Amino acid sequence: MLNNIGLPGLLLIAVVVLVLFGRGKISSLMGEVGKGITAFKRGVDDGKQEIEDSLDSNRDEATAEEKDRA
């Protein structure tokens, strides 16, 4: 159904949305979307860093245990 929407259709939808909500509401909405994307990326990066730190500490513990056994 949505496969046949071309550039003119997208422009028409954009104009209708702009008329219904107004420029100020759309710009504030886009600002909130941008903040959400930034927060999501920061969360993903923090999660990756936490996993890497956990793996590094596990490797350090394993190395220390091997040294103790020797």
PDB file of N, CA and C in Angstrom:
ATOM      1  N   MET A   1       0.826  -1.194   0.000  1.00  0.00           N
ATOM      2  CA  MET A   1       0.000   0.000   0.000  1.00  0.00           C
ATOM      3  C   MET A   1       0.873   1.262   0.000  1.00  0.00           C
ATOM      4  N   LEU A   2       1.888   1.308   0.847  1.00  0.00           N
ATOM      5  CA  LEU A   2       2.727   2.495   0.937  1.00  0.00           C
ATOM      6  C   LEU A   2       3.860   2.495  -0.076  1.00  0.00           C
ATOM      7  N   ASN A   3       3.952   1.462  -0.898  1.00  0.00           N
ATOM      8  CA  ASN A   3       5.032   1.387  -1.875  1.00  0.00           C
ATOM      9  C   ASN A   3       4.893   2.430  -2.978  1.00  0.00           C
ATOM     10  N   ASN A   4       3.687   2.922  -3.224  1.00  0.00           N
ATOM     11  CA  ASN A   4       3.450   3.833  -4.337  1.00  0.00           C
ATOM     12  C   ASN A   4       3.537   5.302  -3.944  1.00  0.00           C
ATOM     13  N   ILE A   5       3.916   5.616  -2.694  1.00  0.00           N
ATOM     14  CA  ILE A   5       4.045   7.013  -2.289  1.00  0.00           C
ATOM     15  C   ILE A   5       5.363   7.537  -2.817  1.00  0.00           C
ATOM     16  N   GLY A   6       5.281   8.540  -3.656  1.00  0.00           N
ATOM     17  CA  GLY A   6       6.488   9.132  -4.227  1.00  0.00           C
ATOM     18  C   GLY A   6       6.787  10.467  -3.564  1.00  0.00           C
ATOM     19  N   LEU A   7       7.636  11.233  -4.189  1.00  0.00           N
ATOM     20  CA  LEU A   7       8.021  12.540  -3.671  1.00  0.00           C
ATOM     21  C   LEU A   7       6.820  13.488  -3.555  1.00  0.00           C
ATOM     22  N   PRO A   8       5.953  13.552  -4.560  1.00  0.00           N
ATOM     23  CA  PRO A   8       4.793  14.448  -4.421  1.00  0.00           C
ATOM     24  C   PRO A   8       3.892  14.052  -3.244  1.00  0.00           C
ATOM     25  N   GLY A   9       3.725  12.777  -3.031  1.00  0.00           N
ATOM     26  CA  GLY A   9       2.912  12.323  -1.909  1.00  0.00           C
ATOM     27  C   GLY A   9       3.534  12.684  -0.574  1.00  0.00           C
ATOM     28  N   LEU A  10       4.850  12.507  -0.460  1.00  0.00           N
ATOM     29  CA  LEU A  10       5.539  12.873   0.775  1.00  0.00           C
ATOM     30  C   LEU A  10       5.467  14.373   1.032  1.00  0.00           C
ATOM     31  N   LEU A  11       5.595  15.172  -0.031  1.00  0.00           N
ATOM     32  CA  LEU A  11       5.481  16.619   0.125  1.00  0.00           C
ATOM     33  C   LEU A  11       4.078  17.014   0.577  1.00  0.00           C
ATOM     34  N   LEU A  12       3.076  16.381   0.032  1.00  0.00           N
ATOM     35  CA  LEU A  12       1.698  16.663   0.429  1.00  0.00           C
ATOM     36  C   LEU A  12       1.483  16.310   1.897  1.00  0.00           C
ATOM     37  N   ILE A  13       1.994  15.190   2.327  1.00  0.00           N
ATOM     38  CA  ILE A  13       1.877  14.787   3.734  1.00  0.00           C
ATOM     39  C   ILE A  13       2.597  15.795   4.627  1.00  0.00           C
ATOM     40  N   ALA A  14       3.786  16.242   4.216  1.00  0.00           N
ATOM     41  CA  ALA A  14       4.541  17.224   5.006  1.00  0.00           C
ATOM     42  C   ALA A  14       3.770  18.535   5.133  1.00  0.00           C
ATOM     43  N   VAL A  15       3.147  18.981   4.059  1.00  0.00           N
ATOM     44  CA  VAL A  15       2.373  20.224   4.094  1.00  0.00           C
ATOM     45  C   VAL A  15       1.165  20.076   5.008  1.00  0.00           C
ATOM     46  N   VAL A  16       0.478  18.966   4.925  1.00  0.00           N
ATOM     47  CA  VAL A  16      -0.694  18.741   5.781  1.00  0.00           C
ATOM     48  C   VAL A  16      -0.280  18.713   7.253  1.00  0.00           C
ATOM     49  N   VAL A  17       0.798  18.042   7.573  1.00  0.00           N
ATOM     50  CA  VAL A  17       1.277  17.989   8.956  1.00  0.00           C
ATOM     51  C   VAL A  17       1.659  19.385   9.427  1.00  0.00           C
ATOM     52  N   LEU A  18       2.326  20.155   8.573  1.00  0.00           N
ATOM     53  CA  LEU A  18       2.719  21.509   8.928  1.00  0.00           C
ATOM     54  C   LEU A  18       1.499  22.390   9.191  1.00  0.00           C
ATOM     55  N   VAL A  19       0.478  22.254   8.386  1.00  0.00           N
ATOM     56  CA  VAL A  19      -0.735  23.050   8.568  1.00  0.00           C
ATOM     57  C   VAL A  19      -1.453  22.634   9.852  1.00  0.00           C
ATOM     58  N   LEU A  20      -1.529  21.342  10.113  1.00  0.00           N
ATOM     59  CA  LEU A  20      -2.257  20.868  11.290  1.00  0.00           C
ATOM     60  C   LEU A  20      -1.563  21.230  12.598  1.00  0.00           C
ATOM     61  N   PHE A  21      -0.255  21.081  12.661  1.00  0.00           N
ATOM     62  CA  PHE A  21       0.446  21.243  13.927  1.00  0.00           C
ATOM     63  C   PHE A  21       1.171  22.575  14.062  1.00  0.00           C
ATOM     64  N   GLY A  22       1.494  23.215  12.981  1.00  0.00           N
ATOM     65  CA  GLY A  22       2.210  24.485  13.052  1.00  0.00           C
ATOM     66  C   GLY A  22       3.709  24.267  13.159  1.00  0.00           C
ATOM     67  N   ARG A  23       4.450  25.305  12.755  1.00  0.00           N
ATOM     68  CA  ARG A  23       5.895  25.193  12.702  1.00  0.00           C
ATOM     69  C   ARG A  23       6.514  25.054  14.085  1.00  0.00           C
ATOM     70  N   GLY A  24       6.010  25.781  15.059  1.00  0.00           N
ATOM     71  CA  GLY A  24       6.582  25.749  16.409  1.00  0.00           C
ATOM     72  C   GLY A  24       6.452  24.384  17.056  1.00  0.00           C
ATOM     73  N   LYS A  25       5.300  23.767  16.905  1.00  0.00           N
ATOM     74  CA  LYS A  25       5.070  22.451  17.501  1.00  0.00           C
ATOM     75  C   LYS A  25       5.961  21.400  16.852  1.00  0.00           C
ATOM     76  N   ILE A  26       6.113  21.464  15.547  1.00  0.00           N
ATOM     77  CA  ILE A  26       6.941  20.484  14.835  1.00  0.00           C
ATOM     78  C   ILE A  26       8.410  20.660  15.213  1.00  0.00           C
ATOM     79  N   SER A  27       8.888  21.913  15.306  1.00  0.00           N
ATOM     80  CA  SER A  27      10.291  22.122  15.654  1.00  0.00           C
ATOM     81  C   SER A  27      10.574  21.666  17.083  1.00  0.00           C
ATOM     82  N   SER A  28       9.633  21.891  18.005  1.00  0.00           N
ATOM     83  CA  SER A  28       9.847  21.416  19.374  1.00  0.00           C
ATOM     84  C   SER A  28       9.805  19.889  19.427  1.00  0.00           C
ATOM     85  N   LEU A  29       8.961  19.285  18.627  1.00  0.00           N
ATOM     86  CA  LEU A  29       8.889  17.831  18.564  1.00  0.00           C
ATOM     87  C   LEU A  29      10.185  17.254  18.018  1.00  0.00           C
ATOM     88  N   MET A  30      10.729  17.863  16.971  1.00  0.00           N
ATOM     89  CA  MET A  30      11.991  17.390  16.400  1.00  0.00           C
ATOM     90  C   MET A  30      13.134  17.567  17.404  1.00  0.00           C
ATOM     91  N   GLY A  31      13.090  18.649  18.186  1.00  0.00           N
ATOM     92  CA  GLY A  31      14.102  18.841  19.228  1.00  0.00           C
ATOM     93  C   GLY A  31      14.047  17.734  20.263  1.00  0.00           C
ATOM     94  N   GLU A  32      12.846  17.340  20.646  1.00  0.00           N
ATOM     95  CA  GLU A  32      12.685  16.246  21.613  1.00  0.00           C
ATOM     96  C   GLU A  32      13.148  14.916  21.016  1.00  0.00           C
ATOM     97  N   VAL A  33      12.877  14.705  19.746  1.00  0.00           N
ATOM     98  CA  VAL A  33      13.345  13.479  19.078  1.00  0.00           C
ATOM     99  C   VAL A  33      14.870  13.456  19.060  1.00  0.00           C
ATOM    100  N   GLY A  34      15.488  14.584  18.769  1.00  0.00           N
ATOM    101  CA  GLY A  34      16.943  14.666  18.774  1.00  0.00           C
ATOM    102  C   GLY A  34      17.526  14.380  20.147  1.00  0.00           C
ATOM    103  N   LYS A  35      16.902  14.922  21.190  1.00  0.00           N
ATOM    104  CA  LYS A  35      17.365  14.657  22.554  1.00  0.00           C
ATOM    105  C   LYS A  35      17.224  13.176  22.893  1.00  0.00           C
ATOM    106  N   GLY A  36      16.142  12.572  22.441  1.00  0.00           N
ATOM    107  CA  GLY A  36      15.935  11.146  22.690  1.00  0.00           C
ATOM    108  C   GLY A  36      16.978  10.286  21.995  1.00  0.00           C
ATOM    109  N   ILE A  37      17.295  10.629  20.770  1.00  0.00           N
ATOM    110  CA  ILE A  37      18.312   9.874  20.027  1.00  0.00           C
ATOM    111  C   ILE A  37      19.669  10.018  20.702  1.00  0.00           C
ATOM    112  N   THR A  38      19.988  11.244  21.137  1.00  0.00           N
ATOM    113  CA  THR A  38      21.264  11.476  21.825  1.00  0.00           C
ATOM    114  C   THR A  38      21.342  10.672  23.113  1.00  0.00           C
ATOM    115  N   ALA A  39      20.255  10.670  23.881  1.00  0.00           N
ATOM    116  CA  ALA A  39      20.236   9.913  25.131  1.00  0.00           C
ATOM    117  C   ALA A  39      20.368   8.414  24.866  1.00  0.00           C
ATOM    118  N   PHE A  40      19.725   7.925  23.817  1.00  0.00           N
ATOM    119  CA  PHE A  40      19.816   6.514  23.467  1.00  0.00           C
ATOM    120  C   PHE A  40      21.246   6.128  23.107  1.00  0.00           C
ATOM    121  N   LYS A  41      21.889   6.956  22.273  1.00  0.00           N
ATOM    122  CA  LYS A  41      23.275   6.679  21.884  1.00  0.00           C
ATOM    123  C   LYS A  41      24.192   6.706  23.101  1.00  0.00           C
ATOM    124  N   ARG A  42      23.971   7.664  24.010  1.00  0.00           N
ATOM    125  CA  ARG A  42      24.791   7.740  25.213  1.00  0.00           C
ATOM    126  C   ARG A  42      24.588   6.487  26.064  1.00  0.00           C
ATOM    127  N   GLY A  43      23.360   6.010  26.159  1.00  0.00           N
ATOM    128  CA  GLY A  43      23.076   4.796  26.917  1.00  0.00           C
ATOM    129  C   GLY A  43      23.749   3.570  26.310  1.00  0.00           C
ATOM    130  N   VAL A  44      23.722   3.484  24.990  1.00  0.00           N
ATOM    131  CA  VAL A  44      24.373   2.360  24.316  1.00  0.00           C
ATOM    132  C   VAL A  44      25.878   2.404  24.555  1.00  0.00           C
ATOM    133  N   ASP A  45      26.478   3.596  24.435  1.00  0.00           N
ATOM    134  CA  ASP A  45      27.918   3.730  24.670  1.00  0.00           C
ATOM    135  C   ASP A  45      28.277   3.388  26.114  1.00  0.00           C
ATOM    136  N   ASP A  46      27.443   3.839  27.069  1.00  0.00           N
ATOM    137  CA  ASP A  46      27.692   3.508  28.476  1.00  0.00           C
ATOM    138  C   ASP A  46      27.594   2.005  28.712  1.00  0.00           C
ATOM    139  N   GLY A  47      26.634   1.362  28.069  1.00  0.00           N
ATOM    140  CA  GLY A  47      26.480  -0.087  28.202  1.00  0.00           C
ATOM    141  C   GLY A  47      27.677  -0.829  27.637  1.00  0.00           C
ATOM    142  N   LYS A  48      28.160  -0.385  26.486  1.00  0.00           N
ATOM    143  CA  LYS A  48      29.343  -1.015  25.887  1.00  0.00           C
ATOM    144  C   LYS A  48      30.552  -0.851  26.803  1.00  0.00           C
ATOM    145  N   GLN A  49      30.718   0.354  27.350  1.00  0.00           N
ATOM    146  CA  GLN A  49      31.858   0.619  28.228  1.00  0.00           C
ATOM    147  C   GLN A  49      31.773  -0.238  29.486  1.00  0.00           C
ATOM    148  N   GLU A  50      30.576  -0.397  30.020  1.00  0.00           N
ATOM    149  CA  GLU A  50      30.392  -1.225  31.216  1.00  0.00           C
ATOM    150  C   GLU A  50      30.744  -2.686  30.931  1.00  0.00           C
ATOM    151  N   ILE A  51      30.336  -3.186  29.779  1.00  0.00           N
ATOM    152  CA  ILE A  51      30.648  -4.566  29.405  1.00  0.00           C
ATOM    153  C   ILE A  51      32.154  -4.738  29.218  1.00  0.00           C
ATOM    154  N   GLU A  52      32.784  -3.769  28.543  1.00  0.00           N
ATOM    155  CA  GLU A  52      34.235  -3.853  28.341  1.00  0.00           C
ATOM    156  C   GLU A  52      34.975  -3.810  29.676  1.00  0.00           C
ATOM    157  N   ASP A  53      34.529  -2.954  30.592  1.00  0.00           N
ATOM    158  CA  ASP A  53      35.165  -2.884  31.912  1.00  0.00           C
ATOM    159  C   ASP A  53      35.007  -4.198  32.665  1.00  0.00           C
ATOM    160  N   SER A  54      33.832  -4.800  32.536  1.00  0.00           N
ATOM    161  CA  SER A  54      33.581  -6.076  33.204  1.00  0.00           C
ATOM    162  C   SER A  54      34.482  -7.169  32.635  1.00  0.00           C
ATOM    163  N   LEU A  55      34.611  -7.202  31.313  1.00  0.00           N
ATOM    164  CA  LEU A  55      35.478  -8.197  30.683  1.00  0.00           C
ATOM    165  C   LEU A  55      36.937  -7.981  31.074  1.00  0.00           C
ATOM    166  N   ASP A  56      37.364  -6.716  31.121  1.00  0.00           N
ATOM    167  CA  ASP A  56      38.746  -6.417  31.514  1.00  0.00           C
ATOM    168  C   ASP A  56      39.012  -6.852  32.952  1.00  0.00           C
ATOM    169  N   SER A  57      38.061  -6.597  33.855  1.00  0.00           N
ATOM    170  CA  SER A  57      38.274  -6.982  35.254  1.00  0.00           C
ATOM    171  C   SER A  57      38.279  -8.505  35.394  1.00  0.00           C
ATOM    172  N   ASN A  58      37.465  -9.206  34.611  1.00  0.00           N
ATOM    173  CA  ASN A  58      37.468 -10.667  34.651  1.00  0.00           C
ATOM    174  C   ASN A  58      38.796 -11.224  34.139  1.00  0.00           C
ATOM    175  N   ARG A  59      39.361 -10.609  33.094  1.00  0.00           N
ATOM    176  CA  ARG A  59      40.658 -11.042  32.579  1.00  0.00           C
ATOM    177  C   ARG A  59      41.749 -10.797  33.613  1.00  0.00           C
ATOM    178  N   ASP A  60      41.682  -9.648  34.275  1.00  0.00           N
ATOM    179  CA  ASP A  60      42.682  -9.326  35.303  1.00  0.00           C
ATOM    180  C   ASP A  60      42.618 -10.319  36.458  1.00  0.00           C
ATOM    181  N   GLU A  61      41.398 -10.701  36.862  1.00  0.00           N
ATOM    182  CA  GLU A  61      41.233 -11.670  37.951  1.00  0.00           C
ATOM    183  C   GLU A  61      41.777 -13.039  37.540  1.00  0.00           C
ATOM    184  N   ALA A  62      41.507 -13.437  36.302  1.00  0.00           N
ATOM    185  CA  ALA A  62      41.991 -14.733  35.811  1.00  0.00           C
ATOM    186  C   ALA A  62      43.510 -14.736  35.748  1.00  0.00           C
ATOM    187  N   THR A  63      44.093 -13.642  35.323  1.00  0.00           N
ATOM    188  CA  THR A  63      45.556 -13.544  35.264  1.00  0.00           C
ATOM    189  C   THR A  63      46.157 -13.612  36.668  1.00  0.00           C
ATOM    190  N   ALA A  64      45.524 -12.930  37.621  1.00  0.00           N
ATOM    191  CA  ALA A  64      46.020 -12.948  39.005  1.00  0.00           C
ATOM    192  C   ALA A  64      45.926 -14.340  39.600  1.00  0.00           C
ATOM    193  N   GLU A  65      44.842 -15.065  39.291  1.00  0.00           N
ATOM    194  CA  GLU A  65      44.685 -16.437  39.795  1.00  0.00           C
ATOM    195  C   GLU A  65      45.759 -17.372  39.212  1.00  0.00           C
ATOM    196  N   GLU A  66      46.072 -17.174  37.932  1.00  0.00           N
ATOM    197  CA  GLU A  66      47.111 -17.994  37.301  1.00  0.00           C
ATOM    198  C   GLU A  66      48.472 -17.721  37.928  1.00  0.00           C
ATOM    199  N   LYS A  67      48.767 -16.491  38.271  1.00  0.00           N
ATOM    200  CA  LYS A  67      50.033 -16.134  38.901  1.00  0.00           C
ATOM    201  C   LYS A  67      50.111 -16.727  40.308  1.00  0.00           C
ATOM    202  N   ASP A  68      48.970 -16.730  41.018  1.00  0.00           N
ATOM    203  CA  ASP A  68      48.941 -17.291  42.366  1.00  0.00           C
ATOM    204  C   ASP A  68      49.208 -18.802  42.347  1.00  0.00           C
ATOM    205  N   ARG A  69      48.712 -19.466  41.312  1.00  0.00           N
ATOM    206  CA  ARG A  69      48.877 -20.934  41.215  1.00  0.00           C
ATOM    207  C   ARG A  69      50.323 -21.293  40.893  1.00  0.00           C
ATOM    208  N   ALA A  70      51.023 -20.414  40.214  1.00  0.00           N
ATOM    209  CA  ALA A  70      52.397 -20.700  39.785  1.00  0.00           C
ATOM    210  C   ALA A  70      53.399 -20.529  40.883  1.00  0.00           C
TER     211      ALA A  70
END
